[in-house]
C-alpha atoms as a PDB file:
ATOM      1  CA  MET A   1     -19.099 115.889  82.336  1.00  0.00           C
ATOM      2  CA  HIS A   2     -15.755 114.323  79.564  1.00  0.00           C
ATOM      3  CA  MET A   3     -13.436 116.177  82.872  1.00  0.00           C
ATOM      4  CA  ILE A   4     -16.100 114.797  85.906  1.00  0.00           C
ATOM      5  CA  LYS A   5     -15.891 111.097  84.123  1.00  0.00           C
ATOM      6  CA  LYS A   6     -11.914 110.793  83.485  1.00  0.00           C
ATOM      7  CA  ILE A   7     -11.527 112.216  87.954  1.00  0.00           C
ATOM      8  CA  ALA A   8     -14.102 109.786  88.805  1.00  0.00           C
ATOM      9  CA  ALA A   9     -12.155 107.234  86.797  1.00  0.00           C
ATOM     10  CA  ALA A  10      -8.895 108.504  88.495  1.00  0.00           C
ATOM     11  CA  THR A  11     -10.245 108.402  92.283  1.00  0.00           C
ATOM     12  CA  ILE A  12     -11.160 104.257  91.572  1.00  0.00           C
ATOM     13  CA  LEU A  13      -7.834 103.967  90.761  1.00  0.00           C
ATOM     14  CA  LEU A  14      -6.575 104.614  93.550  1.00  0.00           C
ATOM     15  CA  THR A  15      -9.065 103.957  95.112  1.00  0.00           C
ATOM     16  CA  VAL A  16      -8.534 100.065  94.374  1.00  0.00           C
ATOM     17  CA  LEU A  17      -4.489 101.011  94.104  1.00  0.00           C
ATOM     18  CA  CYS A  18      -5.156 101.235  98.292  1.00  0.00           C
ATOM     19  CA  PHE A  19      -6.417  98.572  99.129  1.00  0.00           C
ATOM     20  CA  MET A  20      -3.618  96.810  96.819  1.00  0.00           C
ATOM     21  CA  MET A  21      -1.030  98.060  98.585  1.00  0.00           C
ATOM     22  CA  THR A  22      -2.457  97.526 102.555  1.00  0.00           C
ATOM     23  CA  ALA A  23      -3.334  94.060 101.528  1.00  0.00           C
ATOM     24  CA  THR A  24      -0.177  93.190 100.223  1.00  0.00           C
ATOM     25  CA  ALA A  25       1.422  95.415 103.389  1.00  0.00           C
ATOM     26  CA  LEU A  26      -0.558  92.677 106.041  1.00  0.00           C
ATOM     27  CA  ALA A  27       0.025  89.888 103.579  1.00  0.00           C
ATOM     28  CA  GLN A  28       4.834  90.424 103.681  1.00  0.00           C
ATOM     29  CA  PRO A  29       6.727  88.233 106.457  1.00  0.00           C
ATOM     30  CA  GLN A  30       8.701  90.894 109.032  1.00  0.00           C
ATOM     31  CA  THR A  31      11.380  91.463 107.143  1.00  0.00           C
ATOM     32  CA  VAL A  32      14.745  91.285 109.279  1.00  0.00           C
ATOM     33  CA  SER A  33      17.872  93.804 108.304  1.00  0.00           C
ATOM     34  CA  PRO A  34      20.821  94.848 110.597  1.00  0.00           C
ATOM     35  CA  GLY A  35      20.487  99.014 111.368  1.00  0.00           C
ATOM     36  CA  VAL A  36      24.613  98.161 112.921  1.00  0.00           C
ATOM     37  CA  ARG A  37      27.567  98.341 110.241  1.00  0.00           C
ATOM     38  CA  LYS A  38      31.045  96.900 110.198  1.00  0.00           C
ATOM     39  CA  GLY A  39      32.989  99.097 112.079  1.00  0.00           C
ATOM     40  CA  ASP A  40      30.423 100.181 114.146  1.00  0.00           C
ATOM     41  CA  THR A  41      31.608 100.192 118.185  1.00  0.00           C
ATOM     42  CA  PHE A  42      30.081 100.530 121.524  1.00  0.00           C
ATOM     43  CA  THR A  43      31.445 100.194 124.591  1.00  0.00           C
ATOM     44  CA  TYR A  44      29.318  99.775 128.323  1.00  0.00           C
ATOM     45  CA  ASN A  45      29.361 100.320 131.909  1.00  0.00           C
ATOM     46  CA  VAL A  46      28.950  96.584 133.456  1.00  0.00           C
ATOM     47  CA  LYS A  47      27.556  96.531 137.016  1.00  0.00           C
ATOM     48  CA  ALA A  48      25.854  93.868 139.234  1.00  0.00           C
ATOM     49  CA  LEU A  49      24.412  94.322 142.925  1.00  0.00           C
ATOM     50  CA  TRP A  50      23.788  91.303 145.400  1.00  0.00           C
ATOM     51  CA  SER A  51      21.769  91.724 148.565  1.00  0.00           C
ATOM     52  CA  SER A  52      20.151  88.293 151.009  1.00  0.00           C
ATOM     53  CA  SER A  53      19.221  88.040 154.687  1.00  0.00           C
ATOM     54  CA  ASP A  54      19.859  84.205 154.032  1.00  0.00           C
ATOM     55  CA  PRO A  55      23.620  82.973 155.757  1.00  0.00           C
ATOM     56  CA  ASN A  56      23.320  79.935 153.178  1.00  0.00           C
ATOM     57  CA  ALA A  57      23.925  82.399 150.410  1.00  0.00           C
ATOM     58  CA  THR A  58      27.344  83.566 148.781  1.00  0.00           C
ATOM     59  CA  MET A  59      27.824  85.888 146.180  1.00  0.00           C
ATOM     60  CA  SER A  60      28.594  83.916 142.792  1.00  0.00           C
ATOM     61  CA  GLU A  61      32.162  84.368 140.906  1.00  0.00           C
ATOM     62  CA  ASN A  62      30.077  86.131 138.507  1.00  0.00           C
ATOM     63  CA  ILE A  63      28.905  89.515 140.461  1.00  0.00           C
ATOM     64  CA  ARG A  64      32.326  89.487 141.588  1.00  0.00           C
ATOM     65  CA  GLN A  65      33.449  89.523 137.733  1.00  0.00           C
ATOM     66  CA  MET A  66      30.820  92.291 136.853  1.00  0.00           C
ATOM     67  CA  ASN A  67      31.784  94.121 139.830  1.00  0.00           C
ATOM     68  CA  MET A  68      35.754  94.135 138.838  1.00  0.00           C
ATOM     69  CA  THR A  69      34.427  95.230 135.463  1.00  0.00           C
ATOM     70  CA  ASP A  70      36.511  98.828 133.534  1.00  0.00           C
ATOM     71  CA  TYR A  71      34.163  98.307 130.418  1.00  0.00           C
ATOM     72  CA  PHE A  72      32.688  95.831 127.752  1.00  0.00           C
ATOM     73  CA  LYS A  73      32.602  96.914 124.417  1.00  0.00           C
ATOM     74  CA  VAL A  74      31.283  95.230 120.891  1.00  0.00           C
ATOM     75  CA  GLU A  75      32.756  95.659 118.140  1.00  0.00           C
ATOM     76  CA  ILE A  76      30.600  94.775 114.403  1.00  0.00           C
ATOM     77  CA  THR A  77      33.800  93.056 112.285  1.00  0.00           C
ATOM     78  CA  ASP A  78      30.781  90.922 109.555  1.00  0.00           C
ATOM     79  CA  VAL A  79      27.490  92.595 108.492  1.00  0.00           C
ATOM     80  CA  SER A  80      25.700  89.346 105.896  1.00  0.00           C
ATOM     81  CA  GLY A  81      21.874  89.145 105.506  1.00  0.00           C
ATOM     82  CA  SER A  82      20.342  88.994 108.464  1.00  0.00           C
ATOM     83  CA  GLU A  83      23.921  87.304 110.123  1.00  0.00           C
ATOM     84  CA  VAL A  84      25.931  90.273 112.642  1.00  0.00           C
ATOM     85  CA  THR A  85      29.335  89.232 113.573  1.00  0.00           C
ATOM     86  CA  MET A  86      30.717  90.690 116.475  1.00  0.00           C
ATOM     87  CA  ASN A  87      33.871  90.694 119.014  1.00  0.00           C
ATOM     88  CA  THR A  88      34.079  91.582 122.317  1.00  0.00           C
ATOM     89  CA  VAL A  89      36.544  93.030 125.115  1.00  0.00           C
ATOM     90  CA  TRP A  90      35.444  92.471 128.599  1.00  0.00           C
ATOM     91  CA  ARG A  91      37.907  95.145 130.470  1.00  0.00           C
ATOM     92  CA  PHE A  92      38.293  94.260 134.196  1.00  0.00           C
ATOM     93  CA  LEU A  93      40.110  97.632 137.295  1.00  0.00           C
ATOM     94  CA  ASN A  94      43.093  95.295 136.587  1.00  0.00           C
ATOM     95  CA  GLY A  95      43.991  95.127 133.068  1.00  0.00           C
ATOM     96  CA  THR A  96      43.003  92.377 132.734  1.00  0.00           C
ATOM     97  CA  GLU A  97      40.622  91.646 129.374  1.00  0.00           C
ATOM     98  CA  ILE A  98      37.807  88.514 127.596  1.00  0.00           C
ATOM     99  CA  ASP A  99      38.482  88.776 124.412  1.00  0.00           C
ATOM    100  CA  GLY A 100      35.157  86.997 121.987  1.00  0.00           C
ATOM    101  CA  TYR A 101      33.050  86.618 119.929  1.00  0.00           C
ATOM    102  CA  THR A 102      29.629  86.024 118.688  1.00  0.00           C
ATOM    103  CA  LYS A 103      27.538  85.494 115.590  1.00  0.00           C
ATOM    104  CA  ILE A 104      23.755  85.410 115.410  1.00  0.00           C
ATOM    105  CA  ASP A 105      21.333  85.335 113.317  1.00  0.00           C
ATOM    106  CA  LEU A 106      19.097  88.665 114.299  1.00  0.00           C
ATOM    107  CA  SER A 107      15.888  86.720 112.264  1.00  0.00           C
ATOM    108  CA  THR A 108      15.860  83.978 115.049  1.00  0.00           C
ATOM    109  CA  GLY A 109      18.254  85.249 118.116  1.00  0.00           C
ATOM    110  CA  ILE A 110      20.602  82.315 118.069  1.00  0.00           C
ATOM    111  CA  TYR A 111      24.196  82.767 118.307  1.00  0.00           C
ATOM    112  CA  SER A 112      27.008  81.147 118.347  1.00  0.00           C
ATOM    113  CA  GLY A 113      30.755  82.156 119.702  1.00  0.00           C
ATOM    114  CA  ASN A 114      32.565  82.522 123.014  1.00  0.00           C
ATOM    115  CA  SER A 115      31.200  85.453 124.105  1.00  0.00           C
ATOM    116  CA  SER A 116      27.276  85.331 126.219  1.00  0.00           C
ATOM    117  CA  PHE A 117      26.627  89.046 124.365  1.00  0.00           C
ATOM    118  CA  TRP A 118      23.615  88.451 122.883  1.00  0.00           C
ATOM    119  CA  ALA A 119      21.120  91.862 123.180  1.00  0.00           C
ATOM    120  CA  ILE A 120      21.603  93.405 119.463  1.00  0.00           C
ATOM    121  CA  PHE A 121      18.476  93.149 117.119  1.00  0.00           C
ATOM    122  CA  ALA A 122      17.176  94.030 113.427  1.00  0.00           C
ATOM    123  CA  GLY A 123      16.802  98.108 113.648  1.00  0.00           C
ATOM    124  CA  ASN A 124      14.391  99.633 113.117  1.00  0.00           C
ATOM    125  CA  LEU A 125      11.811  97.106 114.219  1.00  0.00           C
ATOM    126  CA  ASN A 126       8.395  98.535 115.550  1.00  0.00           C
ATOM    127  CA  THR A 127       6.010  98.266 118.789  1.00  0.00           C
ATOM    128  CA  GLY A 128       4.861  94.793 118.219  1.00  0.00           C
ATOM    129  CA  ASP A 129       7.247  93.327 115.690  1.00  0.00           C
ATOM    130  CA  ARG A 130       9.172  90.222 117.403  1.00  0.00           C
ATOM    131  CA  ILE A 131      12.323  90.772 117.841  1.00  0.00           C
ATOM    132  CA  HIS A 132      12.957  87.527 115.987  1.00  0.00           C
ATOM    133  CA  PRO A 133      10.364  86.875 113.431  1.00  0.00           C
ATOM    134  CA  ILE A 134      11.498  83.592 112.841  1.00  0.00           C
ATOM    135  CA  GLY A 135      12.228  82.400 115.801  1.00  0.00           C
ATOM    136  CA  PRO A 136      11.944  79.993 118.586  1.00  0.00           C
ATOM    137  CA  ASP A 137      10.878  83.190 121.149  1.00  0.00           C
ATOM    138  CA  GLN A 138       8.005  84.566 121.009  1.00  0.00           C
ATOM    139  CA  VAL A 139       8.845  87.519 122.072  1.00  0.00           C
ATOM    140  CA  THR A 140       6.973  91.751 120.516  1.00  0.00           C
ATOM    141  CA  VAL A 141       8.680  94.870 121.141  1.00  0.00           C
ATOM    142  CA  ASN A 142       6.617  96.841 123.890  1.00  0.00           C
ATOM    143  CA  SER A 143       7.233 100.584 123.848  1.00  0.00           C
ATOM    144  CA  SER A 144       8.748 102.630 122.512  1.00  0.00           C
ATOM    145  CA  GLN A 145      10.822 105.801 123.543  1.00  0.00           C
ATOM    146  CA  THR A 146      12.732 109.050 123.294  1.00  0.00           C
ATOM    147  CA  ASN A 147      16.071 108.676 126.011  1.00  0.00           C
ATOM    148  CA  SER A 148      19.265 110.273 126.065  1.00  0.00           C
ATOM    149  CA  TYR A 149      22.504 108.283 126.016  1.00  0.00           C
ATOM    150  CA  GLY A 150      25.903 109.628 125.915  1.00  0.00           C
ATOM    151  CA  GLY A 151      24.469 112.734 124.962  1.00  0.00           C
ATOM    152  CA  ASN A 152      22.098 111.677 122.487  1.00  0.00           C
ATOM    153  CA  GLN A 153      18.568 111.791 122.066  1.00  0.00           C
ATOM    154  CA  ARG A 154      18.037 108.369 120.490  1.00  0.00           C
ATOM    155  CA  GLU A 155      14.391 106.917 119.289  1.00  0.00           C
ATOM    156  CA  THR A 156      14.829 103.537 121.264  1.00  0.00           C
ATOM    157  CA  ASN A 157      12.830 100.198 121.444  1.00  0.00           C
ATOM    158  CA  LYS A 158      11.726  98.234 124.820  1.00  0.00           C
ATOM    159  CA  LEU A 159      11.196  94.690 125.736  1.00  0.00           C
ATOM    160  CA  VAL A 160      10.038  93.570 129.027  1.00  0.00           C
ATOM    161  CA  ILE A 161      10.800  90.189 129.552  1.00  0.00           C
ATOM    162  CA  ASN A 162       9.068  87.668 132.989  1.00  0.00           C
ATOM    163  CA  GLY A 163       9.855  85.165 133.507  1.00  0.00           C
ATOM    164  CA  GLN A 164      10.516  81.631 135.764  1.00  0.00           C
ATOM    165  CA  PHE A 165      14.071  79.935 134.563  1.00  0.00           C
ATOM    166  CA  ALA A 166      16.567  77.220 135.118  1.00  0.00           C
ATOM    167  CA  SER A 167      20.024  78.040 137.668  1.00  0.00           C
ATOM    168  CA  THR A 168      22.411  78.346 135.331  1.00  0.00           C
ATOM    169  CA  ASP A 169      24.622  76.594 138.719  1.00  0.00           C
ATOM    170  CA  ASN A 170      22.151  73.954 139.703  1.00  0.00           C
ATOM    171  CA  SER A 171      19.747  73.461 136.784  1.00  0.00           C
ATOM    172  CA  ASN A 172      17.082  71.434 139.276  1.00  0.00           C
ATOM    173  CA  ARG A 173      16.767  75.095 141.074  1.00  0.00           C
ATOM    174  CA  THR A 174      14.938  78.385 139.244  1.00  0.00           C
ATOM    175  CA  TYR A 175      14.734  82.018 139.852  1.00  0.00           C
ATOM    176  CA  THR A 176      12.343  84.316 138.938  1.00  0.00           C
ATOM    177  CA  ASP A 177      13.784  86.855 136.204  1.00  0.00           C
ATOM    178  CA  TYR A 178      12.201  90.267 135.590  1.00  0.00           C
ATOM    179  CA  MET A 179      14.439  91.832 132.924  1.00  0.00           C
ATOM    180  CA  THR A 180      13.610  95.457 131.080  1.00  0.00           C
ATOM    181  CA  VAL A 181      15.888  96.070 128.055  1.00  0.00           C
ATOM    182  CA  GLN A 182      15.774  99.370 125.764  1.00  0.00           C
ATOM    183  CA  PHE A 183      17.519  99.299 122.043  1.00  0.00           C
ATOM    184  CA  ASP A 184      18.348 101.988 119.591  1.00  0.00           C
ATOM    185  CA  LYS A 185      15.622 101.644 117.225  1.00  0.00           C
ATOM    186  CA  GLN A 186      18.098 102.641 114.506  1.00  0.00           C
ATOM    187  CA  THR A 187      20.516 100.755 114.811  1.00  0.00           C
ATOM    188  CA  GLY A 188      18.833  97.541 116.830  1.00  0.00           C
ATOM    189  CA  MET A 189      21.595  98.106 119.740  1.00  0.00           C
ATOM    190  CA  LEU A 190      21.198  97.570 123.192  1.00  0.00           C
ATOM    191  CA  VAL A 191      21.419 101.068 125.152  1.00  0.00           C
ATOM    192  CA  GLU A 192      20.305  99.616 128.627  1.00  0.00           C
ATOM    193  CA  LEU A 193      19.610  96.381 130.819  1.00  0.00           C
ATOM    194  CA  HIS A 194      18.472  96.142 133.856  1.00  0.00           C
ATOM    195  CA  ASP A 195      18.417  92.034 135.104  1.00  0.00           C
ATOM    196  CA  VAL A 196      16.815  91.071 138.005  1.00  0.00           C
ATOM    197  CA  GLN A 197      16.781  88.072 139.221  1.00  0.00           C
ATOM    198  CA  ILE A 198      15.507  86.733 142.599  1.00  0.00           C
ATOM    199  CA  TYR A 199      16.445  82.961 144.179  1.00  0.00           C
ATOM    200  CA  THR A 200      15.640  80.891 146.870  1.00  0.00           C
ATOM    201  CA  ASN A 201      17.096  78.027 148.467  1.00  0.00           C
ATOM    202  CA  PRO A 202      19.887  79.842 149.574  1.00  0.00           C
ATOM    203  CA  ALA A 203      17.496  82.996 149.100  1.00  0.00           C
ATOM    204  CA  TYR A 204      18.937  86.314 147.118  1.00  0.00           C
ATOM    205  CA  THR A 205      17.987  89.441 144.469  1.00  0.00           C
ATOM    206  CA  GLN A 206      20.464  89.800 142.508  1.00  0.00           C
ATOM    207  CA  THR A 207      20.100  93.600 139.676  1.00  0.00           C
ATOM    208  CA  ILE A 208      22.754  93.476 136.898  1.00  0.00           C
ATOM    209  CA  ILE A 209      23.149  96.328 134.602  1.00  0.00           C
ATOM    210  CA  TRP A 210      24.191  97.619 131.177  1.00  0.00           C
ATOM    211  CA  ILE A 211      24.493 101.117 130.009  1.00  0.00           C
ATOM    212  CA  ILE A 212      25.846 102.191 127.390  1.00  0.00           C
ATOM    213  CA  THR A 213      28.650 104.662 127.322  1.00  0.00           C
ATOM    214  CA  ASP A 214      30.150 105.395 124.929  1.00  0.00           C
ATOM    215  CA  THR A 215      29.212 104.465 120.505  1.00  0.00           C
ATOM    216  CA  ASN A 216      30.859 105.715 116.805  1.00  0.00           C
ATOM    217  CA  ALA A 217      26.753 104.970 115.521  1.00  0.00           C
ATOM    218  CA  PHE A 218      25.115 106.881 116.361  1.00  0.00           C
ATOM    219  CA  THR A 219      27.156 109.936 114.512  1.00  0.00           C
ATOM    220  CA  ALA A 220      28.282 108.564 112.396  1.00  0.00           C
ATOM    221  CA  SER A 221      25.945 108.342 108.638  1.00  0.00           C
ATOM    222  CA  THR A 222      23.457 105.454 108.920  1.00  0.00           C
ATOM    223  CA  SER A 223      21.067 103.867 106.043  1.00  0.00           C
ATOM    224  CA  ALA A 224      17.641 105.898 106.978  1.00  0.00           C
ATOM    225  CA  SER A 225      14.723 103.141 107.326  1.00  0.00           C
ATOM    226  CA  ALA A 226      12.345 102.849 104.506  1.00  0.00           C
ATOM    227  CA  PHE A 227       8.746 104.448 104.292  1.00  0.00           C
ATOM    228  CA  PRO A 228       6.197 102.912 105.909  1.00  0.00           C
ATOM    229  CA  ILE A 229       3.958 100.931 102.976  1.00  0.00           C
ATOM    230  CA  GLU A 230       0.812 101.736 105.859  1.00  0.00           C
ATOM    231  CA  LEU A 231       1.986 105.339 105.532  1.00  0.00           C
ATOM    232  CA  LEU A 232       1.834 105.710 101.876  1.00  0.00           C
ATOM    233  CA  ALA A 233      -1.109 103.491 101.683  1.00  0.00           C
ATOM    234  CA  ALA A 234      -3.176 106.023 104.137  1.00  0.00           C
ATOM    235  CA  ALA A 235      -1.616 109.032 102.157  1.00  0.00           C
ATOM    236  CA  VAL A 236      -3.330 107.449  99.013  1.00  0.00           C
ATOM    237  CA  SER A 237      -6.537 107.486 100.946  1.00  0.00           C
ATOM    238  CA  ILE A 238      -6.112 111.174 102.029  1.00  0.00           C
ATOM    239  CA  VAL A 239      -6.101 111.864  98.319  1.00  0.00           C
ATOM    240  CA  ALA A 240      -8.718 109.535  96.935  1.00  0.00           C
ATOM    241  CA  VAL A 241     -10.902 111.216  99.538  1.00  0.00           C
ATOM    242  CA  ALA A 242     -10.033 114.157  98.279  1.00  0.00           C
ATOM    243  CA  ILE A 243     -10.542 113.618  95.024  1.00  0.00           C
ATOM    244  CA  ILE A 244     -13.461 111.246  95.768  1.00  0.00           C
ATOM    245  CA  VAL A 245     -14.829 115.258  97.565  1.00  0.00           C
ATOM    246  CA  THR A 246     -14.158 117.259  94.172  1.00  0.00           C
ATOM    247  CA  VAL A 247     -15.871 115.214  92.574  1.00  0.00           C
ATOM    248  CA  ILE A 248     -18.569 115.672  94.584  1.00  0.00           C
ATOM    249  CA  ALA A 249     -18.250 119.161  94.447  1.00  0.00           C
ATOM    250  CA  LEU A 250     -18.029 119.350  90.908  1.00  0.00           C
ATOM    251  CA  LYS A 251     -21.033 117.438  89.954  1.00  0.00           C
ATOM    252  CA  LYS A 252     -23.375 119.974  92.331  1.00  0.00           C
ATOM    253  CA  ARG A 253     -21.617 122.747  90.414  1.00  0.00           C
ATOM    254  CA  ALA A 254     -22.463 121.409  87.151  1.00  0.00           C
ATOM    255  CA  LYS A 255     -26.384 120.517  87.962  1.00  0.00           C
ATOM    256  CA  THR A 256     -26.303 124.112  89.678  1.00  0.00           C
ATOM    257  CA  ARG A 257     -24.819 125.964  86.561  1.00  0.00           C
ATOM    258  CA  LYS A 258     -27.632 123.033  84.188  1.00  0.00           C
ATOM    259  CA  ARG A 259     -30.813 124.161  86.492  1.00  0.00           C
ATOM    260  CA  ARG A 260     -29.887 128.005  85.649  1.00  0.00           C
ATOM    261  CA  LEU A 261     -29.588 127.083  82.371  1.00  0.00           C
ATOM    262  CA  LEU A 262     -33.093 125.955  82.702  1.00  0.00           C
ATOM    263  CA  GLN A 263     -34.777 128.960  84.566  1.00  0.00           C
ATOM    264  CA  ARG A 264     -33.477 131.718  81.075  1.00  0.00           C
END
């Protein structure tokens, strides 16, 4: 009987601990941890598609440049807290290059620099997480899946962003944008982007495509993500249930033994 009381006390303690851990997990704000490290490099193939039946429509210079791209390379130069700094090289088929840099705060998505590269997010985000926890946007991870990039099977997160935006060459004109972004879950880095933009007056459609072709980050050892506290709480719950079942079984056994002794 003394042992049963001890087991019952342990069960109550574990149950209380489980509820405390779950409440703590729900109360904690979403943390932002960069998944990249200084020295990581990411190289992309960039291309664009353009179509129109409107005689007044013309292809922009930016689209022409994309189709003359040899590669676009990003190198991580510094990681400090939620901020990541990177250098970029946009190399063209004629051998010319445009160098740039970007500094981005992954918690807000706000970036600065002379490069427009923005497609990097915190590491180890899950479905439903905000991509920028304290940023102005409310975009969340839509889903996760496993894809192959450069011969590496990678778990990736998917974003689907649709909306109407002001044209960069004419603020009085809007376009409809359908963007799908796949980024590596562990590093938070872009692996694939498809951005379909539909314009009117004049009418044309352009599609921008980025696909990663090379990186040193998928083969280098990186720190493992922390064990999710929700899973730990679930494990504690399972243990608590197992102990409760054991207590009930022991009680039944004790009652049966006592009844047998009385019958003798």
